[in-house]
N, C-alpha and C. Protein backbone atom coordinates (compact mmCIF):
# COMPACT_ATOMS: atom_id res chain seq x y z
N MET A 1 -22.48 23.19 53.57
CA MET A 1 -22.12 23.70 52.25
C MET A 1 -23.15 23.24 51.22
N ALA A 2 -22.99 23.72 50.02
CA ALA A 2 -23.89 23.34 48.93
C ALA A 2 -23.07 23.24 47.65
N ALA A 3 -23.68 22.69 46.64
CA ALA A 3 -23.02 22.53 45.34
C ALA A 3 -22.72 23.89 44.73
N ILE A 4 -21.75 23.90 43.82
CA ILE A 4 -21.39 25.09 43.05
C ILE A 4 -21.39 24.68 41.59
N LEU A 5 -21.96 25.53 40.74
CA LEU A 5 -22.00 25.29 39.30
C LEU A 5 -20.85 26.05 38.65
N GLY A 6 -20.11 25.40 37.75
CA GLY A 6 -19.01 26.03 37.03
C GLY A 6 -19.35 26.16 35.56
N ILE A 7 -19.06 27.33 34.99
CA ILE A 7 -19.39 27.62 33.60
C ILE A 7 -18.13 28.01 32.83
N ASP A 8 -17.90 27.33 31.70
CA ASP A 8 -16.83 27.69 30.78
C ASP A 8 -17.50 28.24 29.53
N TYR A 9 -17.56 29.56 29.41
CA TYR A 9 -18.26 30.21 28.30
C TYR A 9 -17.41 30.20 27.04
N GLY A 10 -18.03 29.83 25.94
CA GLY A 10 -17.39 29.90 24.63
C GLY A 10 -18.38 30.45 23.63
N ARG A 11 -17.89 30.91 22.50
CA ARG A 11 -18.77 31.50 21.49
C ARG A 11 -19.70 30.46 20.86
N LYS A 12 -19.27 29.21 20.78
CA LYS A 12 -20.09 28.15 20.18
C LYS A 12 -20.76 27.28 21.23
N ARG A 13 -20.00 26.93 22.26
CA ARG A 13 -20.50 26.02 23.29
C ARG A 13 -20.17 26.54 24.68
N ILE A 14 -21.00 26.17 25.65
CA ILE A 14 -20.80 26.55 27.05
C ILE A 14 -20.70 25.26 27.85
N GLY A 15 -19.54 25.04 28.45
CA GLY A 15 -19.34 23.86 29.28
C GLY A 15 -19.86 24.12 30.68
N VAL A 16 -20.47 23.08 31.26
CA VAL A 16 -21.02 23.20 32.61
C VAL A 16 -20.50 22.04 33.45
N ALA A 17 -20.07 22.37 34.67
CA ALA A 17 -19.63 21.38 35.65
C ALA A 17 -20.33 21.68 36.95
N VAL A 18 -20.35 20.70 37.84
CA VAL A 18 -21.00 20.89 39.14
C VAL A 18 -20.13 20.24 40.21
N SER A 19 -20.14 20.84 41.39
CA SER A 19 -19.41 20.23 42.50
C SER A 19 -20.35 19.34 43.30
N ASP A 20 -19.76 18.56 44.18
CA ASP A 20 -20.55 17.80 45.13
C ASP A 20 -21.12 18.78 46.17
N ALA A 21 -22.00 18.30 47.02
CA ALA A 21 -22.66 19.18 48.00
C ALA A 21 -21.66 19.78 48.98
N GLY A 22 -20.52 19.11 49.20
CA GLY A 22 -19.49 19.64 50.09
C GLY A 22 -18.55 20.62 49.42
N ALA A 23 -18.77 20.88 48.12
CA ALA A 23 -17.95 21.81 47.33
C ALA A 23 -16.46 21.44 47.38
N LYS A 24 -16.20 20.13 47.21
CA LYS A 24 -14.81 19.65 47.23
C LYS A 24 -14.36 19.11 45.86
N ILE A 25 -15.28 18.42 45.15
CA ILE A 25 -14.94 17.73 43.90
C ILE A 25 -15.83 18.23 42.77
N ALA A 26 -15.20 18.64 41.66
CA ALA A 26 -15.93 19.08 40.47
C ALA A 26 -16.09 17.93 39.50
N THR A 27 -17.26 17.87 38.85
CA THR A 27 -17.57 16.83 37.88
C THR A 27 -18.15 17.49 36.62
N PRO A 28 -17.73 17.04 35.42
CA PRO A 28 -18.34 17.58 34.20
C PRO A 28 -19.82 17.26 34.18
N LEU A 29 -20.63 18.19 33.69
CA LEU A 29 -22.08 17.99 33.69
C LEU A 29 -22.66 17.93 32.28
N THR A 30 -22.53 19.01 31.52
CA THR A 30 -23.15 19.06 30.20
C THR A 30 -22.51 20.16 29.36
N VAL A 31 -22.94 20.23 28.11
CA VAL A 31 -22.52 21.29 27.18
C VAL A 31 -23.78 21.91 26.61
N LEU A 32 -23.84 23.24 26.62
CA LEU A 32 -24.98 23.98 26.08
C LEU A 32 -24.56 24.71 24.82
N ALA A 33 -25.49 24.90 23.90
CA ALA A 33 -25.22 25.70 22.71
C ALA A 33 -25.21 27.18 23.11
N ALA A 34 -24.21 27.91 22.63
CA ALA A 34 -24.08 29.32 22.99
C ALA A 34 -24.80 30.24 22.02
N ALA A 35 -25.24 29.72 20.88
CA ALA A 35 -25.84 30.57 19.84
C ALA A 35 -27.06 31.33 20.37
N ASP A 36 -27.89 30.67 21.16
CA ASP A 36 -29.07 31.30 21.74
C ASP A 36 -28.75 31.61 23.20
N ARG A 37 -28.20 32.80 23.43
CA ARG A 37 -27.72 33.16 24.76
C ARG A 37 -28.84 33.16 25.80
N ALA A 38 -30.02 33.62 25.43
CA ALA A 38 -31.14 33.66 26.37
C ALA A 38 -31.50 32.25 26.82
N ARG A 39 -31.52 31.32 25.89
CA ARG A 39 -31.82 29.93 26.25
C ARG A 39 -30.72 29.35 27.14
N ALA A 40 -29.47 29.64 26.81
CA ALA A 40 -28.35 29.14 27.62
C ALA A 40 -28.46 29.66 29.05
N ILE A 41 -28.82 30.91 29.21
CA ILE A 41 -28.99 31.49 30.55
C ILE A 41 -30.14 30.81 31.28
N ARG A 42 -31.23 30.56 30.58
CA ARG A 42 -32.35 29.82 31.21
C ARG A 42 -31.91 28.44 31.64
N ASP A 43 -31.15 27.75 30.78
CA ASP A 43 -30.68 26.40 31.10
C ASP A 43 -29.73 26.42 32.30
N ILE A 44 -28.86 27.41 32.37
CA ILE A 44 -27.93 27.51 33.50
C ILE A 44 -28.68 27.77 34.80
N THR A 45 -29.66 28.67 34.76
CA THR A 45 -30.42 28.95 35.99
C THR A 45 -31.23 27.72 36.41
N ARG A 46 -31.73 26.96 35.44
CA ARG A 46 -32.45 25.72 35.75
C ARG A 46 -31.51 24.70 36.38
N LEU A 47 -30.32 24.54 35.81
CA LEU A 47 -29.35 23.60 36.35
C LEU A 47 -28.92 24.00 37.76
N ALA A 48 -28.76 25.29 37.98
CA ALA A 48 -28.39 25.77 39.33
C ALA A 48 -29.48 25.39 40.33
N ALA A 49 -30.73 25.54 39.93
CA ALA A 49 -31.84 25.18 40.82
C ALA A 49 -31.90 23.67 41.04
N GLU A 50 -31.76 22.89 39.96
CA GLU A 50 -31.80 21.43 40.06
C GLU A 50 -30.74 20.87 41.00
N HIS A 51 -29.57 21.50 40.99
CA HIS A 51 -28.45 21.02 41.81
C HIS A 51 -28.35 21.78 43.13
N ALA A 52 -29.34 22.62 43.41
CA ALA A 52 -29.34 23.43 44.64
C ALA A 52 -28.01 24.15 44.82
N ALA A 53 -27.52 24.74 43.74
CA ALA A 53 -26.23 25.43 43.76
C ALA A 53 -26.30 26.70 44.59
N ALA A 54 -25.30 26.88 45.43
CA ALA A 54 -25.21 28.08 46.26
C ALA A 54 -24.55 29.22 45.49
N GLU A 55 -23.88 28.86 44.37
CA GLU A 55 -23.11 29.85 43.63
C GLU A 55 -22.89 29.34 42.20
N ILE A 56 -22.77 30.28 41.27
CA ILE A 56 -22.40 29.96 39.89
C ILE A 56 -21.07 30.66 39.64
N VAL A 57 -20.07 29.90 39.20
CA VAL A 57 -18.74 30.46 38.93
C VAL A 57 -18.51 30.40 37.43
N VAL A 58 -18.24 31.55 36.83
CA VAL A 58 -18.00 31.64 35.40
C VAL A 58 -16.51 31.92 35.19
N GLY A 59 -15.87 31.10 34.36
CA GLY A 59 -14.46 31.30 34.06
C GLY A 59 -14.25 32.57 33.27
N LEU A 60 -13.32 33.40 33.74
CA LEU A 60 -12.99 34.65 33.06
C LEU A 60 -11.62 34.48 32.41
N PRO A 61 -11.57 34.42 31.07
CA PRO A 61 -10.30 34.16 30.39
C PRO A 61 -9.41 35.40 30.32
N ARG A 62 -8.40 35.41 31.14
CA ARG A 62 -7.43 36.51 31.12
C ARG A 62 -6.29 36.14 30.17
N SER A 63 -5.62 37.17 29.66
CA SER A 63 -4.42 36.94 28.86
C SER A 63 -3.32 36.45 29.80
N LEU A 64 -2.26 35.92 29.24
CA LEU A 64 -1.17 35.42 30.08
C LEU A 64 -0.58 36.51 30.96
N ASP A 65 -0.65 37.76 30.50
CA ASP A 65 -0.13 38.87 31.32
C ASP A 65 -1.16 39.39 32.33
N GLY A 66 -2.33 38.74 32.39
CA GLY A 66 -3.34 39.10 33.38
C GLY A 66 -4.37 40.11 32.92
N THR A 67 -4.20 40.66 31.73
CA THR A 67 -5.14 41.67 31.25
C THR A 67 -6.40 41.00 30.68
N LEU A 68 -7.44 41.81 30.52
CA LEU A 68 -8.69 41.31 29.95
C LEU A 68 -8.74 41.64 28.47
N GLY A 69 -8.83 40.61 27.65
CA GLY A 69 -8.90 40.80 26.21
C GLY A 69 -10.34 40.80 25.73
N PRO A 70 -10.55 40.74 24.40
CA PRO A 70 -11.89 40.78 23.83
C PRO A 70 -12.81 39.66 24.33
N MET A 71 -12.28 38.44 24.49
CA MET A 71 -13.12 37.33 24.95
C MET A 71 -13.56 37.56 26.40
N ALA A 72 -12.67 38.10 27.22
CA ALA A 72 -13.02 38.38 28.62
C ALA A 72 -14.13 39.42 28.69
N LYS A 73 -14.11 40.38 27.79
CA LYS A 73 -15.17 41.39 27.77
C LYS A 73 -16.51 40.75 27.39
N GLU A 74 -16.46 39.81 26.45
CA GLU A 74 -17.68 39.09 26.05
C GLU A 74 -18.21 38.25 27.22
N VAL A 75 -17.31 37.60 27.94
CA VAL A 75 -17.72 36.82 29.11
C VAL A 75 -18.33 37.73 30.17
N THR A 76 -17.75 38.90 30.37
CA THR A 76 -18.28 39.85 31.35
C THR A 76 -19.71 40.26 31.00
N GLU A 77 -19.98 40.48 29.73
CA GLU A 77 -21.35 40.81 29.29
C GLU A 77 -22.29 39.65 29.59
N PHE A 78 -21.84 38.42 29.31
CA PHE A 78 -22.62 37.22 29.59
C PHE A 78 -22.91 37.12 31.10
N VAL A 79 -21.90 37.36 31.91
CA VAL A 79 -22.06 37.29 33.37
C VAL A 79 -23.10 38.30 33.85
N GLU A 80 -23.08 39.50 33.31
CA GLU A 80 -24.06 40.52 33.70
C GLU A 80 -25.48 40.07 33.35
N GLN A 81 -25.66 39.46 32.18
CA GLN A 81 -26.97 38.96 31.78
C GLN A 81 -27.39 37.79 32.69
N LEU A 82 -26.44 36.93 33.03
CA LEU A 82 -26.74 35.81 33.91
C LEU A 82 -27.13 36.30 35.30
N ARG A 83 -26.40 37.28 35.82
CA ARG A 83 -26.72 37.85 37.14
C ARG A 83 -28.13 38.43 37.17
N ALA A 84 -28.55 39.03 36.05
CA ALA A 84 -29.88 39.65 35.99
C ALA A 84 -30.99 38.59 36.02
N SER A 85 -30.68 37.37 35.59
CA SER A 85 -31.70 36.31 35.52
C SER A 85 -31.63 35.30 36.67
N ALA A 86 -30.44 35.08 37.19
CA ALA A 86 -30.26 34.01 38.18
C ALA A 86 -30.59 34.48 39.59
N LYS A 87 -31.19 33.59 40.35
CA LYS A 87 -31.42 33.85 41.77
C LYS A 87 -30.16 33.51 42.57
N THR A 88 -29.29 32.72 41.96
CA THR A 88 -28.05 32.27 42.58
C THR A 88 -26.96 33.32 42.34
N PRO A 89 -26.12 33.61 43.35
CA PRO A 89 -25.00 34.55 43.13
C PRO A 89 -24.07 34.05 42.03
N VAL A 90 -23.59 34.98 41.21
CA VAL A 90 -22.69 34.66 40.09
C VAL A 90 -21.37 35.38 40.31
N VAL A 91 -20.26 34.64 40.29
CA VAL A 91 -18.93 35.21 40.44
C VAL A 91 -18.07 34.77 39.26
N THR A 92 -16.95 35.46 39.06
CA THR A 92 -16.01 35.05 38.01
C THR A 92 -14.73 34.54 38.67
N PHE A 93 -14.00 33.73 37.92
CA PHE A 93 -12.74 33.17 38.41
C PHE A 93 -11.79 33.03 37.23
N ASP A 94 -10.54 33.39 37.42
CA ASP A 94 -9.53 33.31 36.37
C ASP A 94 -9.41 31.88 35.86
N GLU A 95 -9.64 31.71 34.57
CA GLU A 95 -9.59 30.36 34.00
C GLU A 95 -8.55 30.25 32.89
N ARG A 96 -7.47 30.98 33.04
CA ARG A 96 -6.41 30.90 32.04
C ARG A 96 -6.01 29.46 31.77
N LEU A 97 -6.00 29.08 30.52
CA LEU A 97 -5.50 27.80 30.04
C LEU A 97 -6.30 26.57 30.45
N SER A 98 -7.52 26.73 30.97
CA SER A 98 -8.29 25.54 31.38
C SER A 98 -8.65 24.67 30.17
N THR A 99 -8.96 25.28 29.04
CA THR A 99 -9.29 24.49 27.85
C THR A 99 -8.06 23.74 27.35
N ALA A 100 -6.90 24.40 27.39
CA ALA A 100 -5.65 23.73 26.98
C ALA A 100 -5.34 22.57 27.92
N GLN A 101 -5.56 22.74 29.22
CA GLN A 101 -5.35 21.66 30.19
C GLN A 101 -6.30 20.50 29.91
N ALA A 102 -7.54 20.81 29.60
CA ALA A 102 -8.53 19.78 29.32
C ALA A 102 -8.12 18.99 28.07
N GLU A 103 -7.71 19.69 27.04
CA GLU A 103 -7.28 19.04 25.79
C GLU A 103 -6.10 18.11 26.07
N ARG A 104 -5.12 18.61 26.80
CA ARG A 104 -3.92 17.82 27.11
C ARG A 104 -4.27 16.56 27.91
N ALA A 105 -5.15 16.71 28.90
CA ALA A 105 -5.55 15.57 29.73
C ALA A 105 -6.24 14.50 28.89
N MET A 106 -7.08 14.92 27.96
CA MET A 106 -7.80 13.95 27.13
C MET A 106 -6.87 13.28 26.12
N ILE A 107 -5.89 14.01 25.62
CA ILE A 107 -4.90 13.41 24.72
C ILE A 107 -4.07 12.38 25.49
N ASP A 108 -3.73 12.71 26.74
CA ASP A 108 -2.93 11.80 27.57
C ASP A 108 -3.60 10.46 27.79
N VAL A 109 -4.93 10.43 27.75
CA VAL A 109 -5.63 9.14 27.92
C VAL A 109 -6.08 8.57 26.57
N ASP A 110 -5.44 9.05 25.49
CA ASP A 110 -5.69 8.55 24.13
C ASP A 110 -7.14 8.67 23.69
N MET A 111 -7.81 9.73 24.08
CA MET A 111 -9.18 9.95 23.64
C MET A 111 -9.17 10.41 22.18
N THR A 112 -10.09 9.91 21.38
CA THR A 112 -10.14 10.27 19.97
C THR A 112 -10.49 11.75 19.82
N ARG A 113 -10.13 12.30 18.69
CA ARG A 113 -10.41 13.71 18.41
C ARG A 113 -11.91 14.00 18.49
N ALA A 114 -12.74 13.09 17.96
CA ALA A 114 -14.20 13.29 17.98
C ALA A 114 -14.71 13.33 19.42
N LYS A 115 -14.25 12.43 20.26
CA LYS A 115 -14.69 12.42 21.66
C LYS A 115 -14.18 13.65 22.40
N ARG A 116 -12.95 14.09 22.08
CA ARG A 116 -12.41 15.30 22.72
C ARG A 116 -13.28 16.49 22.39
N LYS A 117 -13.65 16.62 21.11
CA LYS A 117 -14.47 17.76 20.68
C LYS A 117 -15.81 17.77 21.42
N GLU A 118 -16.37 16.59 21.62
CA GLU A 118 -17.66 16.44 22.28
C GLU A 118 -17.58 16.80 23.77
N ARG A 119 -16.42 16.56 24.39
CA ARG A 119 -16.31 16.70 25.85
C ARG A 119 -15.47 17.87 26.33
N ILE A 120 -14.72 18.52 25.46
CA ILE A 120 -13.73 19.52 25.87
C ILE A 120 -14.33 20.64 26.72
N ASP A 121 -15.50 21.12 26.37
CA ASP A 121 -16.06 22.27 27.07
C ASP A 121 -16.47 21.94 28.51
N LYS A 122 -17.08 20.78 28.70
CA LYS A 122 -17.48 20.44 30.07
C LYS A 122 -16.28 20.03 30.91
N VAL A 123 -15.25 19.46 30.29
CA VAL A 123 -14.03 19.14 31.04
C VAL A 123 -13.29 20.43 31.40
N ALA A 124 -13.27 21.41 30.50
CA ALA A 124 -12.67 22.71 30.82
C ALA A 124 -13.42 23.37 31.98
N ALA A 125 -14.75 23.24 31.98
CA ALA A 125 -15.55 23.78 33.10
C ALA A 125 -15.19 23.06 34.39
N GLN A 126 -14.99 21.75 34.30
CA GLN A 126 -14.62 20.98 35.49
C GLN A 126 -13.26 21.44 36.03
N ILE A 127 -12.28 21.63 35.15
CA ILE A 127 -10.95 22.06 35.58
C ILE A 127 -11.01 23.44 36.22
N MET A 128 -11.74 24.36 35.60
CA MET A 128 -11.88 25.70 36.16
C MET A 128 -12.55 25.64 37.53
N LEU A 129 -13.65 24.88 37.62
CA LEU A 129 -14.38 24.78 38.88
C LEU A 129 -13.52 24.13 39.96
N GLN A 130 -12.77 23.09 39.60
CA GLN A 130 -11.91 22.44 40.60
C GLN A 130 -10.84 23.41 41.10
N SER A 131 -10.29 24.22 40.21
CA SER A 131 -9.31 25.24 40.62
C SER A 131 -9.95 26.23 41.59
N TYR A 132 -11.17 26.62 41.30
CA TYR A 132 -11.90 27.54 42.18
C TYR A 132 -12.12 26.90 43.56
N LEU A 133 -12.58 25.64 43.56
CA LEU A 133 -12.82 24.95 44.83
C LEU A 133 -11.52 24.83 45.63
N ASP A 134 -10.44 24.47 44.95
CA ASP A 134 -9.14 24.33 45.63
C ASP A 134 -8.68 25.66 46.21
N SER A 135 -8.89 26.76 45.47
CA SER A 135 -8.46 28.07 45.97
C SER A 135 -9.29 28.47 47.20
N ARG A 136 -10.55 28.11 47.21
CA ARG A 136 -11.42 28.40 48.37
C ARG A 136 -10.97 27.61 49.59
N SER A 137 -10.61 26.35 49.39
CA SER A 137 -10.22 25.53 50.54
C SER A 137 -8.88 26.00 51.11
N LYS A 138 -7.98 26.52 50.25
CA LYS A 138 -6.71 27.08 50.74
C LYS A 138 -6.96 28.33 51.56
N GLN A 139 -7.91 29.18 51.12
CA GLN A 139 -8.23 30.40 51.84
C GLN A 139 -8.87 30.09 53.19
N ASN A 140 -9.69 29.03 53.22
CA ASN A 140 -10.39 28.68 54.45
C ASN A 140 -9.61 27.71 55.32
N GLY A 141 -8.49 27.18 54.77
CA GLY A 141 -7.82 26.09 55.39
C GLY A 141 -6.77 26.36 56.36
């Protein structure tokens, strides 16, 4: 197996997480500025190469009823641009409520608001990626 890169796309920031080489455990990696989309895509493709990622997984935010709203359409456009630039395969995965889960987890450990703001995006990427890894192991298991 090889590492997998997880992306939590946001309008201001893009959270990035990476799995171990066995694709079992996700770890928060970094946060990229989303304002310059071309640069963010270059940074993601560089990170995928640095970590020898076999795949890039981008969280697709669905509504609670499963439909695709305006943010999901924006993410889909981002994914298409990423696919055009990346040598690594890019897939999407349902990431409903990953940011809310990340916020709740950080509040539970009494993290300050400033630290939560600094880390929320990469922790959301970690939660989404871990969900993806877990779903893969259930399918293969």
